[in-house]
Amino acid sequence: MVATPEARAAGRKVGIQRADARAIALAPVITDIKASGITTPYTIAAELVRRGIPTARGHRYWGHGQAYKLLKRLDKLEGPNAAGTAHLAW
């Protein structure tokens, strides 16, 4: 059985909502990490590993690409067009 275009679109929407919720949940941790002077995706990923925070899929190790995407998602969520989201001050 092949998923309909509507089902695929609904699945994408759910995935985006989950990723947004995960980013919002990690925002205080990222803010704390950045406040300590750690700012590059590579070093943020290393700090998330050091703190024992699992990735969205439950893995222990973060890659710099995952940290980069998390930072970009947080930037998007805090943007001026993000109605209904809490301001995530860096």
PDB file of N, CA and C in Angstrom:
ATOM      1  N   MET A   1       0.838  -1.169   0.000  1.00  0.00           N
ATOM      2  CA  MET A   1       0.000   0.000   0.000  1.00  0.00           C
ATOM      3  C   MET A   1       0.895   1.248   0.000  1.00  0.00           C
ATOM      4  N   VAL A   2       0.538   2.224  -0.810  1.00  0.00           N
ATOM      5  CA  VAL A   2       1.294   3.462  -0.929  1.00  0.00           C
ATOM      6  C   VAL A   2       0.535   4.566  -0.217  1.00  0.00           C
ATOM      7  N   ALA A   3       1.258   5.382   0.546  1.00  0.00           N
ATOM      8  CA  ALA A   3       0.627   6.492   1.252  1.00  0.00           C
ATOM      9  C   ALA A   3       0.151   7.541   0.256  1.00  0.00           C
ATOM     10  N   THR A   4      -0.982   8.115   0.563  1.00  0.00           N
ATOM     11  CA  THR A   4      -1.522   9.165  -0.304  1.00  0.00           C
ATOM     12  C   THR A   4      -0.730  10.449  -0.093  1.00  0.00           C
ATOM     13  N   PRO A   5      -0.793  11.378  -1.035  1.00  0.00           N
ATOM     14  CA  PRO A   5      -0.118  12.664  -0.839  1.00  0.00           C
ATOM     15  C   PRO A   5      -0.594  13.376   0.432  1.00  0.00           C
ATOM     16  N   GLU A   6      -1.870  13.232   0.746  1.00  0.00           N
ATOM     17  CA  GLU A   6      -2.400  13.864   1.960  1.00  0.00           C
ATOM     18  C   GLU A   6      -1.789  13.241   3.214  1.00  0.00           C
ATOM     19  N   ALA A   7      -1.625  11.922   3.199  1.00  0.00           N
ATOM     20  CA  ALA A   7      -1.028  11.230   4.342  1.00  0.00           C
ATOM     21  C   ALA A   7       0.436  11.626   4.509  1.00  0.00           C
ATOM     22  N   ARG A   8       1.149  11.728   3.387  1.00  0.00           N
ATOM     23  CA  ARG A   8       2.554  12.155   3.467  1.00  0.00           C
ATOM     24  C   ARG A   8       2.656  13.575   4.006  1.00  0.00           C
ATOM     25  N   ALA A   9       1.778  14.466   3.560  1.00  0.00           N
ATOM     26  CA  ALA A   9       1.786  15.854   4.037  1.00  0.00           C
ATOM     27  C   ALA A   9       1.474  15.910   5.530  1.00  0.00           C
ATOM     28  N   ALA A  10       0.517  15.094   5.964  1.00  0.00           N
ATOM     29  CA  ALA A  10       0.181  15.052   7.385  1.00  0.00           C
ATOM     30  C   ALA A  10       1.355  14.527   8.206  1.00  0.00           C
ATOM     31  N   GLY A  11       2.052  13.539   7.685  1.00  0.00           N
ATOM     32  CA  GLY A  11       3.235  13.006   8.372  1.00  0.00           C
ATOM     33  C   GLY A  11       4.347  14.035   8.493  1.00  0.00           C
ATOM     34  N   ARG A  12       4.570  14.780   7.407  1.00  0.00           N
ATOM     35  CA  ARG A  12       5.579  15.847   7.454  1.00  0.00           C
ATOM     36  C   ARG A  12       5.213  16.891   8.503  1.00  0.00           C
ATOM     37  N   LYS A  13       3.933  17.248   8.559  1.00  0.00           N
ATOM     38  CA  LYS A  13       3.474  18.255   9.516  1.00  0.00           C
ATOM     39  C   LYS A  13       3.730  17.792  10.953  1.00  0.00           C
ATOM     40  N   VAL A  14       3.427  16.533  11.230  1.00  0.00           N
ATOM     41  CA  VAL A  14       3.666  15.984  12.566  1.00  0.00           C
ATOM     42  C   VAL A  14       5.160  15.989  12.881  1.00  0.00           C
ATOM     43  N   GLY A  15       5.986  15.611  11.916  1.00  0.00           N
ATOM     44  CA  GLY A  15       7.433  15.616  12.127  1.00  0.00           C
ATOM     45  C   GLY A  15       7.967  17.008  12.432  1.00  0.00           C
ATOM     46  N   ILE A  16       7.473  17.996  11.727  1.00  0.00           N
ATOM     47  CA  ILE A  16       7.893  19.381  11.969  1.00  0.00           C
ATOM     48  C   ILE A  16       7.454  19.829  13.359  1.00  0.00           C
ATOM     49  N   GLN A  17       6.233  19.484  13.741  1.00  0.00           N
ATOM     50  CA  GLN A  17       5.738  19.856  15.071  1.00  0.00           C
ATOM     51  C   GLN A  17       6.578  19.209  16.172  1.00  0.00           C
ATOM     52  N   ARG A  18       6.956  17.958  15.978  1.00  0.00           N
ATOM     53  CA  ARG A  18       7.793  17.273  16.975  1.00  0.00           C
ATOM     54  C   ARG A  18       9.175  17.913  17.071  1.00  0.00           C
ATOM     55  N   ALA A  19       9.748  18.243  15.917  1.00  0.00           N
ATOM     56  CA  ALA A  19      11.072  18.866  15.910  1.00  0.00           C
ATOM     57  C   ALA A  19      11.020  20.245  16.562  1.00  0.00           C
ATOM     58  N   ASP A  20       9.958  21.000  16.294  1.00  0.00           N
ATOM     59  CA  ASP A  20       9.801  22.317  16.925  1.00  0.00           C
ATOM     60  C   ASP A  20       9.676  22.178  18.439  1.00  0.00           C
ATOM     61  N   ALA A  21       8.875  21.218  18.891  1.00  0.00           N
ATOM     62  CA  ALA A  21       8.688  21.010  20.328  1.00  0.00           C
ATOM     63  C   ALA A  21       9.997  20.602  20.997  1.00  0.00           C
ATOM     64  N   ARG A  22      10.761  19.754  20.336  1.00  0.00           N
ATOM     65  CA  ARG A  22      12.057  19.328  20.881  1.00  0.00           C
ATOM     66  C   ARG A  22      13.012  20.512  20.979  1.00  0.00           C
ATOM     67  N   ALA A  23      13.027  21.345  19.943  1.00  0.00           N
ATOM     68  CA  ALA A  23      13.899  22.524  19.952  1.00  0.00           C
ATOM     69  C   ALA A  23      13.506  23.471  21.088  1.00  0.00           C
ATOM     70  N   ILE A  24      12.218  23.683  21.265  1.00  0.00           N
ATOM     71  CA  ILE A  24      11.755  24.569  22.339  1.00  0.00           C
ATOM     72  C   ILE A  24      12.140  23.989  23.706  1.00  0.00           C
ATOM     73  N   ALA A  25      12.029  22.678  23.850  1.00  0.00           N
ATOM     74  CA  ALA A  25      12.411  22.035  25.107  1.00  0.00           C
ATOM     75  C   ALA A  25      13.902  22.181  25.391  1.00  0.00           C
ATOM     76  N   LEU A  26      14.721  22.178  24.328  1.00  0.00           N
ATOM     77  CA  LEU A  26      16.173  22.305  24.509  1.00  0.00           C
ATOM     78  C   LEU A  26      16.648  23.754  24.554  1.00  0.00           C
ATOM     79  N   ALA A  27      15.775  24.700  24.271  1.00  0.00           N
ATOM     80  CA  ALA A  27      16.177  26.113  24.223  1.00  0.00           C
ATOM     81  C   ALA A  27      16.859  26.592  25.504  1.00  0.00           C
ATOM     82  N   PRO A  28      16.351  26.272  26.698  1.00  0.00           N
ATOM     83  CA  PRO A  28      17.051  26.725  27.908  1.00  0.00           C
ATOM     84  C   PRO A  28      18.459  26.137  28.033  1.00  0.00           C
ATOM     85  N   VAL A  29      18.623  24.901  27.618  1.00  0.00           N
ATOM     86  CA  VAL A  29      19.943  24.261  27.671  1.00  0.00           C
ATOM     87  C   VAL A  29      20.894  24.957  26.696  1.00  0.00           C
ATOM     88  N   ILE A  30      20.419  25.225  25.486  1.00  0.00           N
ATOM     89  CA  ILE A  30      21.250  25.898  24.484  1.00  0.00           C
ATOM     90  C   ILE A  30      21.603  27.308  24.956  1.00  0.00           C
ATOM     91  N   THR A  31      20.642  27.995  25.559  1.00  0.00           N
ATOM     92  CA  THR A  31      20.902  29.333  26.092  1.00  0.00           C
ATOM     93  C   THR A  31      21.992  29.278  27.154  1.00  0.00           C
ATOM     94  N   ASP A  32      21.917  28.294  28.041  1.00  0.00           N
ATOM     95  CA  ASP A  32      22.921  28.125  29.086  1.00  0.00           C
ATOM     96  C   ASP A  32      24.292  27.811  28.491  1.00  0.00           C
ATOM     97  N   ILE A  33      24.311  26.947  27.494  1.00  0.00           N
ATOM     98  CA  ILE A  33      25.576  26.587  26.844  1.00  0.00           C
ATOM     99  C   ILE A  33      26.190  27.818  26.183  1.00  0.00           C
ATOM    100  N   LYS A  34      25.376  28.572  25.460  1.00  0.00           N
ATOM    101  CA  LYS A  34      25.894  29.767  24.783  1.00  0.00           C
ATOM    102  C   LYS A  34      26.360  30.815  25.786  1.00  0.00           C
ATOM    103  N   ALA A  35      25.676  30.926  26.925  1.00  0.00           N
ATOM    104  CA  ALA A  35      26.069  31.894  27.955  1.00  0.00           C
ATOM    105  C   ALA A  35      27.444  31.567  28.528  1.00  0.00           C
ATOM    106  N   SER A  36      27.831  30.291  28.457  1.00  0.00           N
ATOM    107  CA  SER A  36      29.140  29.900  28.972  1.00  0.00           C
ATOM    108  C   SER A  36      30.253  30.123  27.952  1.00  0.00           C
ATOM    109  N   GLY A  37      29.896  30.662  26.778  1.00  0.00           N
ATOM    110  CA  GLY A  37      30.902  30.981  25.772  1.00  0.00           C
ATOM    111  C   GLY A  37      31.045  29.940  24.678  1.00  0.00           C
ATOM    112  N   ILE A  38      30.280  28.889  24.739  1.00  0.00           N
ATOM    113  CA  ILE A  38      30.332  27.842  23.727  1.00  0.00           C
ATOM    114  C   ILE A  38      29.320  28.214  22.646  1.00  0.00           C
ATOM    115  N   THR A  39      29.802  28.460  21.424  1.00  0.00           N
ATOM    116  CA  THR A  39      28.893  29.012  20.424  1.00  0.00           C
ATOM    117  C   THR A  39      28.890  28.301  19.069  1.00  0.00           C
ATOM    118  N   THR A  40      29.882  27.518  18.745  1.00  0.00           N
ATOM    119  CA  THR A  40      29.891  26.878  17.432  1.00  0.00           C
ATOM    120  C   THR A  40      29.096  25.581  17.482  1.00  0.00           C
ATOM    121  N   PRO A  41      28.517  25.176  16.363  1.00  0.00           N
ATOM    122  CA  PRO A  41      27.757  23.912  16.369  1.00  0.00           C
ATOM    123  C   PRO A  41      28.589  22.718  16.843  1.00  0.00           C
ATOM    124  N   TYR A  42      29.863  22.686  16.465  1.00  0.00           N
ATOM    125  CA  TYR A  42      30.718  21.570  16.870  1.00  0.00           C
ATOM    126  C   TYR A  42      30.874  21.524  18.394  1.00  0.00           C
ATOM    127  N   THR A  43      31.147  22.673  19.005  1.00  0.00           N
ATOM    128  CA  THR A  43      31.360  22.691  20.457  1.00  0.00           C
ATOM    129  C   THR A  43      30.045  22.552  21.219  1.00  0.00           C
ATOM    130  N   ILE A  44      28.947  23.046  20.647  1.00  0.00           N
ATOM    131  CA  ILE A  44      27.635  22.854  21.274  1.00  0.00           C
ATOM    132  C   ILE A  44      27.290  21.366  21.259  1.00  0.00           C
ATOM    133  N   ALA A  45      27.542  20.689  20.153  1.00  0.00           N
ATOM    134  CA  ALA A  45      27.292  19.246  20.075  1.00  0.00           C
ATOM    135  C   ALA A  45      28.111  18.510  21.133  1.00  0.00           C
ATOM    136  N   ALA A  46      29.361  18.868  21.268  1.00  0.00           N
ATOM    137  CA  ALA A  46      30.221  18.226  22.270  1.00  0.00           C
ATOM    138  C   ALA A  46      29.692  18.469  23.682  1.00  0.00           C
ATOM    139  N   GLU A  47      29.192  19.664  23.934  1.00  0.00           N
ATOM    140  CA  GLU A  47      28.656  19.979  25.266  1.00  0.00           C
ATOM    141  C   GLU A  47      27.357  19.224  25.537  1.00  0.00           C
ATOM    142  N   LEU A  48      26.526  19.060  24.536  1.00  0.00           N
ATOM    143  CA  LEU A  48      25.308  18.272  24.709  1.00  0.00           C
ATOM    144  C   LEU A  48      25.650  16.823  25.041  1.00  0.00           C
ATOM    145  N   VAL A  49      26.680  16.299  24.398  1.00  0.00           N
ATOM    146  CA  VAL A  49      27.151  14.937  24.712  1.00  0.00           C
ATOM    147  C   VAL A  49      27.668  14.895  26.140  1.00  0.00           C
ATOM    148  N   ARG A  50      28.483  15.885  26.507  1.00  0.00           N
ATOM    149  CA  ARG A  50      29.058  15.923  27.856  1.00  0.00           C
ATOM    150  C   ARG A  50      27.966  15.969  28.923  1.00  0.00           C
ATOM    151  N   ARG A  51      26.886  16.690  28.639  1.00  0.00           N
ATOM    152  CA  ARG A  51      25.781  16.811  29.594  1.00  0.00           C
ATOM    153  C   ARG A  51      24.847  15.599  29.577  1.00  0.00           C
ATOM    154  N   GLY A  52      25.075  14.677  28.668  1.00  0.00           N
ATOM    155  CA  GLY A  52      24.272  13.464  28.615  1.00  0.00           C
ATOM    156  C   GLY A  52      22.879  13.655  28.024  1.00  0.00           C
ATOM    157  N   ILE A  53      22.718  14.677  27.192  1.00  0.00           N
ATOM    158  CA  ILE A  53      21.423  14.940  26.562  1.00  0.00           C
ATOM    159  C   ILE A  53      21.350  14.139  25.267  1.00  0.00           C
ATOM    160  N   PRO A  54      20.367  13.252  25.162  1.00  0.00           N
ATOM    161  CA  PRO A  54      20.276  12.435  23.943  1.00  0.00           C
ATOM    162  C   PRO A  54      19.739  13.231  22.754  1.00  0.00           C
ATOM    163  N   THR A  55      20.035  12.733  21.574  1.00  0.00           N
ATOM    164  CA  THR A  55      19.482  13.329  20.360  1.00  0.00           C
ATOM    165  C   THR A  55      17.988  13.030  20.310  1.00  0.00           C
ATOM    166  N   ALA A  56      17.309  13.580  19.326  1.00  0.00           N
ATOM    167  CA  ALA A  56      15.870  13.356  19.183  1.00  0.00           C
ATOM    168  C   ALA A  56      15.545  11.874  19.003  1.00  0.00           C
ATOM    169  N   ARG A  57      16.468  11.150  18.413  1.00  0.00           N
ATOM    170  CA  ARG A  57      16.251   9.707  18.205  1.00  0.00           C
ATOM    171  C   ARG A  57      16.826   8.849  19.329  1.00  0.00           C
ATOM    172  N   GLY A  58      17.271   9.501  20.399  1.00  0.00           N
ATOM    173  CA  GLY A  58      17.740   8.780  21.564  1.00  0.00           C
ATOM    174  C   GLY A  58      19.196   8.374  21.544  1.00  0.00           C
ATOM    175  N   HIS A  59      19.951   8.857  20.578  1.00  0.00           N
ATOM    176  CA  HIS A  59      21.365   8.514  20.514  1.00  0.00           C
ATOM    177  C   HIS A  59      22.170   9.357  21.502  1.00  0.00           C
ATOM    178  N   ARG A  60      23.290   8.828  21.908  1.00  0.00           N
ATOM    179  CA  ARG A  60      24.131   9.512  22.889  1.00  0.00           C
ATOM    180  C   ARG A  60      24.941  10.642  22.272  1.00  0.00           C
ATOM    181  N   TYR A  61      25.423  10.438  21.050  1.00  0.00           N
ATOM    182  CA  TYR A  61      26.346  11.389  20.445  1.00  0.00           C
ATOM    183  C   TYR A  61      25.649  12.318  19.463  1.00  0.00           C
ATOM    184  N   TRP A  62      25.936  13.598  19.607  1.00  0.00           N
ATOM    185  CA  TRP A  62      25.443  14.637  18.710  1.00  0.00           C
ATOM    186  C   TRP A  62      26.509  14.927  17.669  1.00  0.00           C
ATOM    187  N   GLY A  63      26.099  15.122  16.454  1.00  0.00           N
ATOM    188  CA  GLY A  63      27.001  15.589  15.412  1.00  0.00           C
ATOM    189  C   GLY A  63      26.863  17.103  15.276  1.00  0.00           C
ATOM    190  N   HIS A  64      27.865  17.725  14.686  1.00  0.00           N
ATOM    191  CA  HIS A  64      27.785  19.182  14.542  1.00  0.00           C
ATOM    192  C   HIS A  64      26.640  19.568  13.609  1.00  0.00           C
ATOM    193  N   GLY A  65      26.304  18.718  12.657  1.00  0.00           N
ATOM    194  CA  GLY A  65      25.183  18.997  11.760  1.00  0.00           C
ATOM    195  C   GLY A  65      23.849  19.015  12.505  1.00  0.00           C
ATOM    196  N   GLN A  66      23.689  18.112  13.456  1.00  0.00           N
ATOM    197  CA  GLN A  66      22.467  18.099  14.263  1.00  0.00           C
ATOM    198  C   GLN A  66      22.370  19.369  15.100  1.00  0.00           C
ATOM    199  N   ALA A  67      23.491  19.774  15.695  1.00  0.00           N
ATOM    200  CA  ALA A  67      23.492  20.999  16.499  1.00  0.00           C
ATOM    201  C   ALA A  67      23.208  22.209  15.615  1.00  0.00           C
ATOM    202  N   TYR A  68      23.780  22.229  14.419  1.00  0.00           N
ATOM    203  CA  TYR A  68      23.544  23.332  13.487  1.00  0.00           C
ATOM    204  C   TYR A  68      22.054  23.426  13.134  1.00  0.00           C
ATOM    205  N   LYS A  69      21.443  22.295  12.829  1.00  0.00           N
ATOM    206  CA  LYS A  69      20.016  22.297  12.479  1.00  0.00           C
ATOM    207  C   LYS A  69      19.158  22.722  13.669  1.00  0.00           C
ATOM    208  N   LEU A  70      19.534  22.315  14.869  1.00  0.00           N
ATOM    209  CA  LEU A  70      18.821  22.729  16.070  1.00  0.00           C
ATOM    210  C   LEU A  70      18.906  24.247  16.238  1.00  0.00           C
ATOM    211  N   LEU A  71      20.095  24.804  16.062  1.00  0.00           N
ATOM    212  CA  LEU A  71      20.268  26.250  16.187  1.00  0.00           C
ATOM    213  C   LEU A  71      19.453  26.999  15.133  1.00  0.00           C
ATOM    214  N   LYS A  72      19.449  26.500  13.903  1.00  0.00           N
ATOM    215  CA  LYS A  72      18.672  27.131  12.834  1.00  0.00           C
ATOM    216  C   LYS A  72      17.172  27.067  13.136  1.00  0.00           C
ATOM    217  N   ARG A  73      16.713  25.939  13.657  1.00  0.00           N
ATOM    218  CA  ARG A  73      15.297  25.801  13.999  1.00  0.00           C
ATOM    219  C   ARG A  73      14.924  26.775  15.116  1.00  0.00           C
ATOM    220  N   LEU A  74      15.784  26.919  16.109  1.00  0.00           N
ATOM    221  CA  LEU A  74      15.514  27.863  17.192  1.00  0.00           C
ATOM    222  C   LEU A  74      15.483  29.294  16.667  1.00  0.00           C
ATOM    223  N   ASP A  75      16.403  29.628  15.761  1.00  0.00           N
ATOM    224  CA  ASP A  75      16.397  30.961  15.155  1.00  0.00           C
ATOM    225  C   ASP A  75      15.079  31.206  14.427  1.00  0.00           C
ATOM    226  N   LYS A  76      14.611  30.207  13.696  1.00  0.00           N
ATOM    227  CA  LYS A  76      13.351  30.335  12.955  1.00  0.00           C
ATOM    228  C   LYS A  76      12.174  30.514  13.917  1.00  0.00           C
ATOM    229  N   LEU A  77      12.175  29.754  15.005  1.00  0.00           N
ATOM    230  CA  LEU A  77      11.075  29.819  15.955  1.00  0.00           C
ATOM    231  C   LEU A  77      11.027  31.148  16.703  1.00  0.00           C
ATOM    232  N   GLU A  78      12.168  31.760  16.917  1.00  0.00           N
ATOM    233  CA  GLU A  78      12.181  33.029  17.646  1.00  0.00           C
ATOM    234  C   GLU A  78      12.030  34.232  16.722  1.00  0.00           C
ATOM    235  N   GLY A  79      11.977  33.998  15.421  1.00  0.00           N
ATOM    236  CA  GLY A  79      11.869  35.079  14.446  1.00  0.00           C
ATOM    237  C   GLY A  79      10.600  35.894  14.602  1.00  0.00           C
ATOM    238  N   PRO A  80      10.545  37.050  13.932  1.00  0.00           N
ATOM    239  CA  PRO A  80       9.408  37.955  14.070  1.00  0.00           C
ATOM    240  C   PRO A  80       8.102  37.380  13.526  1.00  0.00           C
ATOM    241  N   ASN A  81       8.170  36.390  12.649  1.00  0.00           N
ATOM    242  CA  ASN A  81       6.959  35.800  12.080  1.00  0.00           C
ATOM    243  C   ASN A  81       6.496  34.566  12.845  1.00  0.00           C
ATOM    244  N   ALA A  82       7.112  34.287  13.988  1.00  0.00           N
ATOM    245  CA  ALA A  82       6.773  33.085  14.747  1.00  0.00           C
ATOM    246  C   ALA A  82       5.707  33.412  15.789  1.00  0.00           C
ATOM    247  N   ALA A  83       4.499  33.616  15.349  1.00  0.00           N
ATOM    248  CA  ALA A  83       3.397  33.944  16.253  1.00  0.00           C
ATOM    249  C   ALA A  83       3.141  32.789  17.213  1.00  0.00           C
ATOM    250  N   GLY A  84       2.946  33.145  18.464  1.00  0.00           N
ATOM    251  CA  GLY A  84       2.593  32.136  19.465  1.00  0.00           C
ATOM    252  C   GLY A  84       3.765  31.408  20.076  1.00  0.00           C
ATOM    253  N   THR A  85       4.981  31.723  19.697  1.00  0.00           N
ATOM    254  CA  THR A  85       6.128  31.052  20.317  1.00  0.00           C
ATOM    255  C   THR A  85       6.781  31.999  21.304  1.00  0.00           C
ATOM    256  N   ALA A  86       7.332  31.422  22.323  1.00  0.00           N
ATOM    257  CA  ALA A  86       8.017  32.220  23.339  1.00  0.00           C
ATOM    258  C   ALA A  86       9.319  32.761  22.760  1.00  0.00           C
ATOM    259  N   HIS A  87       9.684  33.963  23.150  1.00  0.00           N
ATOM    260  CA  HIS A  87      10.943  34.540  22.682  1.00  0.00           C
ATOM    261  C   HIS A  87      12.093  33.786  23.333  1.00  0.00           C
ATOM    262  N   LEU A  88      13.018  33.349  22.539  1.00  0.00           N
ATOM    263  CA  LEU A  88      14.163  32.577  23.030  1.00  0.00           C
ATOM    264  C   LEU A  88      15.401  33.459  22.973  1.00  0.00           C
ATOM    265  N   ALA A  89      15.654  34.181  24.033  1.00  0.00           N
ATOM    266  CA  ALA A  89      16.776  35.129  24.045  1.00  0.00           C
ATOM    267  C   ALA A  89      18.101  34.398  24.109  1.00  0.00           C
ATOM    268  N   TRP A  90      19.024  34.770  23.254  1.00  0.00           N
ATOM    269  CA  TRP A  90      20.379  34.229  23.281  1.00  0.00           C
ATOM    270  C   TRP A  90      21.205  35.165  24.066  1.00  0.00           C
TER     271      TRP A  90
END
